[in-house]
Amino acid sequence: MTVNETLVMDGRLRCTNGRIVTPETCRFCMHSRYFIINGTACRSPALAFCLRERAGKEVEVTRAAAVGCAEERGDGYASIGNIIS
């Protein structure tokens, strides 16, 4: 799995499908792996539902400078809600 970092500029970033989104959107995406906040990689809240990588700490995604994303096909956002429902 490849993880690409996408920079956040003025509170927004470009999703892999080309749409402009906020880091809040990435918080609920199954492809997000981490958020860079103050130079530190913090695991994505979406990983709280991943049996292999379990993340449980609250992350201030609005302060993110970059987002680590594992989406490789260009499909973009995929809700974690589809997995847990």
PDB file of N, CA and C in Angstrom:
ATOM      1  N   MET A   1       0.848  -1.182   0.000  1.00  0.00           N
ATOM      2  CA  MET A   1       0.000   0.000   0.000  1.00  0.00           C
ATOM      3  C   MET A   1       0.891   1.241   0.000  1.00  0.00           C
ATOM      4  N   THR A   2       0.595   2.133  -0.885  1.00  0.00           N
ATOM      5  CA  THR A   2       1.310   3.396  -0.997  1.00  0.00           C
ATOM      6  C   THR A   2       0.496   4.481  -0.313  1.00  0.00           C
ATOM      7  N   VAL A   3       1.176   5.306   0.470  1.00  0.00           N
ATOM      8  CA  VAL A   3       0.507   6.436   1.118  1.00  0.00           C
ATOM      9  C   VAL A   3       1.116   7.714   0.561  1.00  0.00           C
ATOM     10  N   ASN A   4       0.267   8.577   0.031  1.00  0.00           N
ATOM     11  CA  ASN A   4       0.701   9.864  -0.508  1.00  0.00           C
ATOM     12  C   ASN A   4       0.273  10.971   0.434  1.00  0.00           C
ATOM     13  N   GLU A   5       1.165  11.934   0.652  1.00  0.00           N
ATOM     14  CA  GLU A   5       0.824  13.091   1.482  1.00  0.00           C
ATOM     15  C   GLU A   5       0.314  14.213   0.601  1.00  0.00           C
ATOM     16  N   THR A   6      -0.828  14.748   0.979  1.00  0.00           N
ATOM     17  CA  THR A   6      -1.415  15.877   0.272  1.00  0.00           C
ATOM     18  C   THR A   6      -1.400  17.075   1.202  1.00  0.00           C
ATOM     19  N   LEU A   7      -0.817  18.165   0.740  1.00  0.00           N
ATOM     20  CA  LEU A   7      -0.717  19.368   1.560  1.00  0.00           C
ATOM     21  C   LEU A   7      -2.064  20.059   1.717  1.00  0.00           C
ATOM     22  N   VAL A   8      -2.269  20.610   2.894  1.00  0.00           N
ATOM     23  CA  VAL A   8      -3.466  21.405   3.181  1.00  0.00           C
ATOM     24  C   VAL A   8      -3.078  22.870   3.021  1.00  0.00           C
ATOM     25  N   MET A   9      -3.802  23.579   2.169  1.00  0.00           N
ATOM     26  CA  MET A   9      -3.541  24.998   1.933  1.00  0.00           C
ATOM     27  C   MET A   9      -4.827  25.773   2.225  1.00  0.00           C
ATOM     28  N   ASP A  10      -4.748  26.737   3.126  1.00  0.00           N
ATOM     29  CA  ASP A  10      -5.918  27.544   3.496  1.00  0.00           C
ATOM     30  C   ASP A  10      -7.094  26.678   3.939  1.00  0.00           C
ATOM     31  N   GLY A  11      -6.798  25.589   4.655  1.00  0.00           N
ATOM     32  CA  GLY A  11      -7.855  24.738   5.193  1.00  0.00           C
ATOM     33  C   GLY A  11      -8.478  23.788   4.196  1.00  0.00           C
ATOM     34  N   ARG A  12      -7.876  23.649   3.013  1.00  0.00           N
ATOM     35  CA  ARG A  12      -8.428  22.783   1.969  1.00  0.00           C
ATOM     36  C   ARG A  12      -7.314  21.972   1.309  1.00  0.00           C
ATOM     37  N   LEU A  13      -7.717  20.860   0.690  1.00  0.00           N
ATOM     38  CA  LEU A  13      -6.787  20.030  -0.061  1.00  0.00           C
ATOM     39  C   LEU A  13      -7.505  19.396  -1.231  1.00  0.00           C
ATOM     40  N   ARG A  14      -6.728  18.896  -2.182  1.00  0.00           N
ATOM     41  CA  ARG A  14      -7.318  18.267  -3.367  1.00  0.00           C
ATOM     42  C   ARG A  14      -7.380  16.757  -3.138  1.00  0.00           C
ATOM     43  N   CYS A  15      -8.599  16.216  -3.177  1.00  0.00           N
ATOM     44  CA  CYS A  15      -8.830  14.780  -3.039  1.00  0.00           C
ATOM     45  C   CYS A  15      -8.304  14.082  -4.302  1.00  0.00           C
ATOM     46  N   THR A  16      -8.109  12.777  -4.230  1.00  0.00           N
ATOM     47  CA  THR A  16      -7.586  12.034  -5.378  1.00  0.00           C
ATOM     48  C   THR A  16      -8.536  12.048  -6.567  1.00  0.00           C
ATOM     49  N   ASN A  17      -9.810  12.365  -6.344  1.00  0.00           N
ATOM     50  CA  ASN A  17     -10.759  12.459  -7.464  1.00  0.00           C
ATOM     51  C   ASN A  17     -10.823  13.870  -8.043  1.00  0.00           C
ATOM     52  N   GLY A  18      -9.977  14.768  -7.524  1.00  0.00           N
ATOM     53  CA  GLY A  18      -9.899  16.132  -8.042  1.00  0.00           C
ATOM     54  C   GLY A  18     -10.725  17.158  -7.299  1.00  0.00           C
ATOM     55  N   ARG A  19     -11.634  16.717  -6.436  1.00  0.00           N
ATOM     56  CA  ARG A  19     -12.473  17.653  -5.686  1.00  0.00           C
ATOM     57  C   ARG A  19     -11.671  18.340  -4.585  1.00  0.00           C
ATOM     58  N   ILE A  20     -12.044  19.564  -4.279  1.00  0.00           N
ATOM     59  CA  ILE A  20     -11.433  20.301  -3.172  1.00  0.00           C
ATOM     60  C   ILE A  20     -12.262  20.001  -1.922  1.00  0.00           C
ATOM     61  N   VAL A  21     -11.588  19.516  -0.861  1.00  0.00           N
ATOM     62  CA  VAL A  21     -12.263  19.132   0.379  1.00  0.00           C
ATOM     63  C   VAL A  21     -11.515  19.708   1.572  1.00  0.00           C
ATOM     64  N   THR A  22     -12.097  19.573   2.742  1.00  0.00           N
ATOM     65  CA  THR A  22     -11.433  19.978   3.981  1.00  0.00           C
ATOM     66  C   THR A  22     -10.870  18.729   4.654  1.00  0.00           C
ATOM     67  N   PRO A  23      -9.929  18.893   5.571  1.00  0.00           N
ATOM     68  CA  PRO A  23      -9.432  17.743   6.318  1.00  0.00           C
ATOM     69  C   PRO A  23     -10.542  17.027   7.100  1.00  0.00           C
ATOM     70  N   GLU A  24     -11.609  17.748   7.446  1.00  0.00           N
ATOM     71  CA  GLU A  24     -12.745  17.125   8.131  1.00  0.00           C
ATOM     72  C   GLU A  24     -13.346  16.013   7.272  1.00  0.00           C
ATOM     73  N   THR A  25     -13.378  16.213   5.972  1.00  0.00           N
ATOM     74  CA  THR A  25     -13.883  15.188   5.065  1.00  0.00           C
ATOM     75  C   THR A  25     -12.993  13.950   5.162  1.00  0.00           C
ATOM     76  N   CYS A  26     -11.689  14.159   5.157  1.00  0.00           N
ATOM     77  CA  CYS A  26     -10.725  13.047   5.224  1.00  0.00           C
ATOM     78  C   CYS A  26     -10.852  12.268   6.533  1.00  0.00           C
ATOM     79  N   ARG A  27     -11.265  12.934   7.574  1.00  0.00           N
ATOM     80  CA  ARG A  27     -11.422  12.279   8.878  1.00  0.00           C
ATOM     81  C   ARG A  27     -12.361  11.072   8.792  1.00  0.00           C
ATOM     82  N   PHE A  28     -13.344  11.120   7.896  1.00  0.00           N
ATOM     83  CA  PHE A  28     -14.325  10.046   7.763  1.00  0.00           C
ATOM     84  C   PHE A  28     -14.109   9.183   6.520  1.00  0.00           C
ATOM     85  N   CYS A  29     -12.939   9.304   5.911  1.00  0.00           N
ATOM     86  CA  CYS A  29     -12.637   8.545   4.702  1.00  0.00           C
ATOM     87  C   CYS A  29     -11.799   7.310   5.042  1.00  0.00           C
ATOM     88  N   MET A  30     -12.175   6.164   4.486  1.00  0.00           N
ATOM     89  CA  MET A  30     -11.451   4.931   4.797  1.00  0.00           C
ATOM     90  C   MET A  30     -10.040   4.912   4.223  1.00  0.00           C
ATOM     91  N   HIS A  31      -9.708   5.835   3.337  1.00  0.00           N
ATOM     92  CA  HIS A  31      -8.369   5.876   2.751  1.00  0.00           C
ATOM     93  C   HIS A  31      -7.383   6.707   3.568  1.00  0.00           C
ATOM     94  N   SER A  32      -7.872   7.572   4.446  1.00  0.00           N
ATOM     95  CA  SER A  32      -6.960   8.421   5.212  1.00  0.00           C
ATOM     96  C   SER A  32      -6.205   7.581   6.238  1.00  0.00           C
ATOM     97  N   ARG A  33      -4.913   7.826   6.335  1.00  0.00           N
ATOM     98  CA  ARG A  33      -4.061   7.069   7.255  1.00  0.00           C
ATOM     99  C   ARG A  33      -3.527   7.922   8.388  1.00  0.00           C
ATOM    100  N   TYR A  34      -3.203   9.182   8.083  1.00  0.00           N
ATOM    101  CA  TYR A  34      -2.680  10.066   9.130  1.00  0.00           C
ATOM    102  C   TYR A  34      -2.839  11.516   8.720  1.00  0.00           C
ATOM    103  N   PHE A  35      -2.730  12.394   9.722  1.00  0.00           N
ATOM    104  CA  PHE A  35      -2.750  13.841   9.539  1.00  0.00           C
ATOM    105  C   PHE A  35      -1.456  14.374  10.122  1.00  0.00           C
ATOM    106  N   ILE A  36      -0.778  15.260   9.406  1.00  0.00           N
ATOM    107  CA  ILE A  36       0.429  15.895   9.933  1.00  0.00           C
ATOM    108  C   ILE A  36       0.003  17.146  10.682  1.00  0.00           C
ATOM    109  N   ILE A  37       0.249  17.154  11.997  1.00  0.00           N
ATOM    110  CA  ILE A  37      -0.117  18.279  12.853  1.00  0.00           C
ATOM    111  C   ILE A  37       1.110  18.655  13.666  1.00  0.00           C
ATOM    112  N   ASN A  38       1.553  19.892  13.520  1.00  0.00           N
ATOM    113  CA  ASN A  38       2.765  20.371  14.192  1.00  0.00           C
ATOM    114  C   ASN A  38       3.960  19.457  13.925  1.00  0.00           C
ATOM    115  N   GLY A  39       4.087  18.963  12.709  1.00  0.00           N
ATOM    116  CA  GLY A  39       5.215  18.130  12.321  1.00  0.00           C
ATOM    117  C   GLY A  39       5.133  16.675  12.750  1.00  0.00           C
ATOM    118  N   THR A  40       4.031  16.289  13.370  1.00  0.00           N
ATOM    119  CA  THR A  40       3.861  14.922  13.854  1.00  0.00           C
ATOM    120  C   THR A  40       2.737  14.225  13.088  1.00  0.00           C
ATOM    121  N   ALA A  41       2.983  12.974  12.713  1.00  0.00           N
ATOM    122  CA  ALA A  41       1.947  12.179  12.043  1.00  0.00           C
ATOM    123  C   ALA A  41       1.025  11.588  13.100  1.00  0.00           C
ATOM    124  N   CYS A  42      -0.247  11.964  13.050  1.00  0.00           N
ATOM    125  CA  CYS A  42      -1.260  11.458  13.978  1.00  0.00           C
ATOM    126  C   CYS A  42      -2.194  10.535  13.192  1.00  0.00           C
ATOM    127  N   ARG A  43      -2.407   9.331  13.674  1.00  0.00           N
ATOM    128  CA  ARG A  43      -3.269   8.374  12.972  1.00  0.00           C
ATOM    129  C   ARG A  43      -4.656   8.937  12.738  1.00  0.00           C
ATOM    130  N   SER A  44      -5.198   8.592  11.593  1.00  0.00           N
ATOM    131  CA  SER A  44      -6.524   9.068  11.218  1.00  0.00           C
ATOM    132  C   SER A  44      -7.598   8.476  12.122  1.00  0.00           C
ATOM    133  N   PRO A  45      -8.589   9.275  12.521  1.00  0.00           N
ATOM    134  CA  PRO A  45      -9.703   8.740  13.301  1.00  0.00           C
ATOM    135  C   PRO A  45     -10.447   7.626  12.562  1.00  0.00           C
ATOM    136  N   ALA A  46     -10.387   7.603  11.237  1.00  0.00           N
ATOM    137  CA  ALA A  46     -11.046   6.552  10.464  1.00  0.00           C
ATOM    138  C   ALA A  46     -10.474   5.178  10.800  1.00  0.00           C
ATOM    139  N   LEU A  47      -9.232   5.134  11.268  1.00  0.00           N
ATOM    140  CA  LEU A  47      -8.600   3.861  11.607  1.00  0.00           C
ATOM    141  C   LEU A  47      -9.132   3.258  12.907  1.00  0.00           C
ATOM    142  N   ALA A  48      -9.973   3.991  13.610  1.00  0.00           N
ATOM    143  CA  ALA A  48     -10.574   3.449  14.829  1.00  0.00           C
ATOM    144  C   ALA A  48     -11.415   2.212  14.507  1.00  0.00           C
ATOM    145  N   PHE A  49     -11.858   2.107  13.262  1.00  0.00           N
ATOM    146  CA  PHE A  49     -12.704   0.992  12.860  1.00  0.00           C
ATOM    147  C   PHE A  49     -11.926  -0.100  12.138  1.00  0.00           C
ATOM    148  N   CYS A  50     -10.619   0.088  12.002  1.00  0.00           N
ATOM    149  CA  CYS A  50      -9.769  -0.886  11.323  1.00  0.00           C
ATOM    150  C   CYS A  50      -9.249  -1.897  12.341  1.00  0.00           C
ATOM    151  N   LEU A  51      -9.541  -3.147  12.145  1.00  0.00           N
ATOM    152  CA  LEU A  51      -9.124  -4.172  13.102  1.00  0.00           C
ATOM    153  C   LEU A  51      -7.611  -4.319  13.164  1.00  0.00           C
ATOM    154  N   ARG A  52      -6.920  -4.024  12.085  1.00  0.00           N
ATOM    155  CA  ARG A  52      -5.479  -4.201  12.047  1.00  0.00           C
ATOM    156  C   ARG A  52      -4.714  -3.018  12.629  1.00  0.00           C
ATOM    157  N   GLU A  53      -5.212  -1.795  12.445  1.00  0.00           N
ATOM    158  CA  GLU A  53      -4.448  -0.616  12.839  1.00  0.00           C
ATOM    159  C   GLU A  53      -5.059   0.196  13.967  1.00  0.00           C
ATOM    160  N   ARG A  54      -6.153  -0.186  14.510  1.00  0.00           N
ATOM    161  CA  ARG A  54      -6.874   0.497  15.602  1.00  0.00           C
ATOM    162  C   ARG A  54      -6.257   1.813  16.080  1.00  0.00           C
ATOM    163  N   ALA A  55      -6.920   2.882  15.807  1.00  0.00           N
ATOM    164  CA  ALA A  55      -6.549   4.198  16.321  1.00  0.00           C
ATOM    165  C   ALA A  55      -7.700   4.658  17.203  1.00  0.00           C
ATOM    166  N   GLY A  56      -7.403   5.271  18.319  1.00  0.00           N
ATOM    167  CA  GLY A  56      -8.490   5.667  19.196  1.00  0.00           C
ATOM    168  C   GLY A  56      -8.354   7.055  19.775  1.00  0.00           C
ATOM    169  N   LYS A  57      -7.304   7.751  19.448  1.00  0.00           N
ATOM    170  CA  LYS A  57      -7.044   9.071  19.995  1.00  0.00           C
ATOM    171  C   LYS A  57      -7.707  10.157  19.141  1.00  0.00           C
ATOM    172  N   GLU A  58      -8.264  11.172  19.797  1.00  0.00           N
ATOM    173  CA  GLU A  58      -8.880  12.288  19.067  1.00  0.00           C
ATOM    174  C   GLU A  58      -7.784  13.099  18.369  1.00  0.00           C
ATOM    175  N   VAL A  59      -8.054  13.495  17.142  1.00  0.00           N
ATOM    176  CA  VAL A  59      -7.092  14.241  16.331  1.00  0.00           C
ATOM    177  C   VAL A  59      -7.731  15.550  15.900  1.00  0.00           C
ATOM    178  N   GLU A  60      -7.017  16.658  16.074  1.00  0.00           N
ATOM    179  CA  GLU A  60      -7.519  17.970  15.660  1.00  0.00           C
ATOM    180  C   GLU A  60      -7.237  18.164  14.175  1.00  0.00           C
ATOM    181  N   VAL A  61      -8.030  17.536  13.338  1.00  0.00           N
ATOM    182  CA  VAL A  61      -7.778  17.545  11.902  1.00  0.00           C
ATOM    183  C   VAL A  61      -7.844  18.940  11.285  1.00  0.00           C
ATOM    184  N   THR A  62      -8.526  19.871  11.918  1.00  0.00           N
ATOM    185  CA  THR A  62      -8.611  21.228  11.379  1.00  0.00           C
ATOM    186  C   THR A  62      -7.246  21.921  11.423  1.00  0.00           C
ATOM    187  N   ARG A  63      -6.326  21.408  12.210  1.00  0.00           N
ATOM    188  CA  ARG A  63      -4.976  21.975  12.312  1.00  0.00           C
ATOM    189  C   ARG A  63      -3.977  21.262  11.403  1.00  0.00           C
ATOM    190  N   ALA A  64      -4.430  20.341  10.593  1.00  0.00           N
ATOM    191  CA  ALA A  64      -3.541  19.531   9.760  1.00  0.00           C
ATOM    192  C   ALA A  64      -2.849  20.357   8.673  1.00  0.00           C
ATOM    193  N   ALA A  65      -1.560  20.063   8.480  1.00  0.00           N
ATOM    194  CA  ALA A  65      -0.776  20.688   7.409  1.00  0.00           C
ATOM    195  C   ALA A  65      -0.749  19.786   6.181  1.00  0.00           C
ATOM    196  N   ALA A  66      -1.000  18.483   6.407  1.00  0.00           N
ATOM    197  CA  ALA A  66      -1.019  17.505   5.313  1.00  0.00           C
ATOM    198  C   ALA A  66      -1.829  16.295   5.750  1.00  0.00           C
ATOM    199  N   VAL A  67      -2.275  15.521   4.756  1.00  0.00           N
ATOM    200  CA  VAL A  67      -3.042  14.305   5.016  1.00  0.00           C
ATOM    201  C   VAL A  67      -2.374  13.155   4.275  1.00  0.00           C
ATOM    202  N   GLY A  68      -2.157  12.048   4.981  1.00  0.00           N
ATOM    203  CA  GLY A  68      -1.627  10.843   4.357  1.00  0.00           C
ATOM    204  C   GLY A  68      -2.789  10.013   3.838  1.00  0.00           C
ATOM    205  N   CYS A  69      -2.803   9.756   2.542  1.00  0.00           N
ATOM    206  CA  CYS A  69      -3.926   9.077   1.903  1.00  0.00           C
ATOM    207  C   CYS A  69      -3.441   7.842   1.152  1.00  0.00           C
ATOM    208  N   ALA A  70      -4.143   6.726   1.313  1.00  0.00           N
ATOM    209  CA  ALA A  70      -3.769   5.471   0.659  1.00  0.00           C
ATOM    210  C   ALA A  70      -4.638   5.152  -0.552  1.00  0.00           C
ATOM    211  N   GLU A  71      -5.468   6.092  -0.997  1.00  0.00           N
ATOM    212  CA  GLU A  71      -6.336   5.859  -2.148  1.00  0.00           C
ATOM    213  C   GLU A  71      -5.479   5.939  -3.410  1.00  0.00           C
ATOM    214  N   GLU A  72      -5.506   4.892  -4.226  1.00  0.00           N
ATOM    215  CA  GLU A  72      -4.614   4.832  -5.388  1.00  0.00           C
ATOM    216  C   GLU A  72      -5.317   4.834  -6.733  1.00  0.00           C
ATOM    217  N   ARG A  73      -6.626   4.642  -6.773  1.00  0.00           N
ATOM    218  CA  ARG A  73      -7.327   4.494  -8.051  1.00  0.00           C
ATOM    219  C   ARG A  73      -7.924   5.788  -8.580  1.00  0.00           C
ATOM    220  N   GLY A  74      -7.948   6.840  -7.772  1.00  0.00           N
ATOM    221  CA  GLY A  74      -8.540   8.094  -8.219  1.00  0.00           C
ATOM    222  C   GLY A  74     -10.028   8.182  -7.961  1.00  0.00           C
ATOM    223  N   ASP A  75     -10.552   7.250  -7.167  1.00  0.00           N
ATOM    224  CA  ASP A  75     -11.981   7.250  -6.857  1.00  0.00           C
ATOM    225  C   ASP A  75     -12.342   8.311  -5.829  1.00  0.00           C
ATOM    226  N   GLY A  76     -11.388   8.704  -4.997  1.00  0.00           N
ATOM    227  CA  GLY A  76     -11.641   9.728  -3.990  1.00  0.00           C
ATOM    228  C   GLY A  76     -12.269   9.180  -2.718  1.00  0.00           C
ATOM    229  N   TYR A  77     -13.012  10.048  -2.070  1.00  0.00           N
ATOM    230  CA  TYR A  77     -13.604   9.789  -0.756  1.00  0.00           C
ATOM    231  C   TYR A  77     -14.450   8.511  -0.727  1.00  0.00           C
ATOM    232  N   ALA A  78     -14.225   7.715   0.321  1.00  0.00           N
ATOM    233  CA  ALA A  78     -15.050   6.532   0.583  1.00  0.00           C
ATOM    234  C   ALA A  78     -15.359   6.525   2.076  1.00  0.00           C
ATOM    235  N   SER A  79     -16.597   6.677   2.424  1.00  0.00           N
ATOM    236  CA  SER A  79     -17.023   6.814   3.814  1.00  0.00           C
ATOM    237  C   SER A  79     -16.770   5.558   4.637  1.00  0.00           C
ATOM    238  N   ILE A  80     -16.260   5.753   5.853  1.00  0.00           N
ATOM    239  CA  ILE A  80     -16.107   4.613   6.766  1.00  0.00           C
ATOM    240  C   ILE A  80     -17.472   4.097   7.195  1.00  0.00           C
ATOM    241  N   GLY A  81     -18.494   4.945   7.051  1.00  0.00           N
ATOM    242  CA  GLY A  81     -19.861   4.533   7.387  1.00  0.00           C
ATOM    243  C   GLY A  81     -20.324   3.346   6.558  1.00  0.00           C
ATOM    244  N   ASN A  82     -19.838   3.227   5.339  1.00  0.00           N
ATOM    245  CA  ASN A  82     -20.205   2.099   4.499  1.00  0.00           C
ATOM    246  C   ASN A  82     -19.634   0.778   5.016  1.00  0.00           C
ATOM    247  N   ILE A  83     -18.557   0.878   5.752  1.00  0.00           N
ATOM    248  CA  ILE A  83     -17.888  -0.308   6.289  1.00  0.00           C
ATOM    249  C   ILE A  83     -18.532  -0.756   7.595  1.00  0.00           C
ATOM    250  N   ILE A  84     -18.867   0.216   8.446  1.00  0.00           N
ATOM    251  CA  ILE A  84     -19.352  -0.138   9.774  1.00  0.00           C
ATOM    252  C   ILE A  84     -20.857  -0.327   9.858  1.00  0.00           C
ATOM    253  N   SER A  85     -21.576  -0.016   8.788  1.00  0.00           N
ATOM    254  CA  SER A  85     -23.037  -0.144   8.855  1.00  0.00           C
ATOM    255  C   SER A  85     -23.484  -1.528   8.388  1.00  0.00           C
TER     256      SER A  85
END
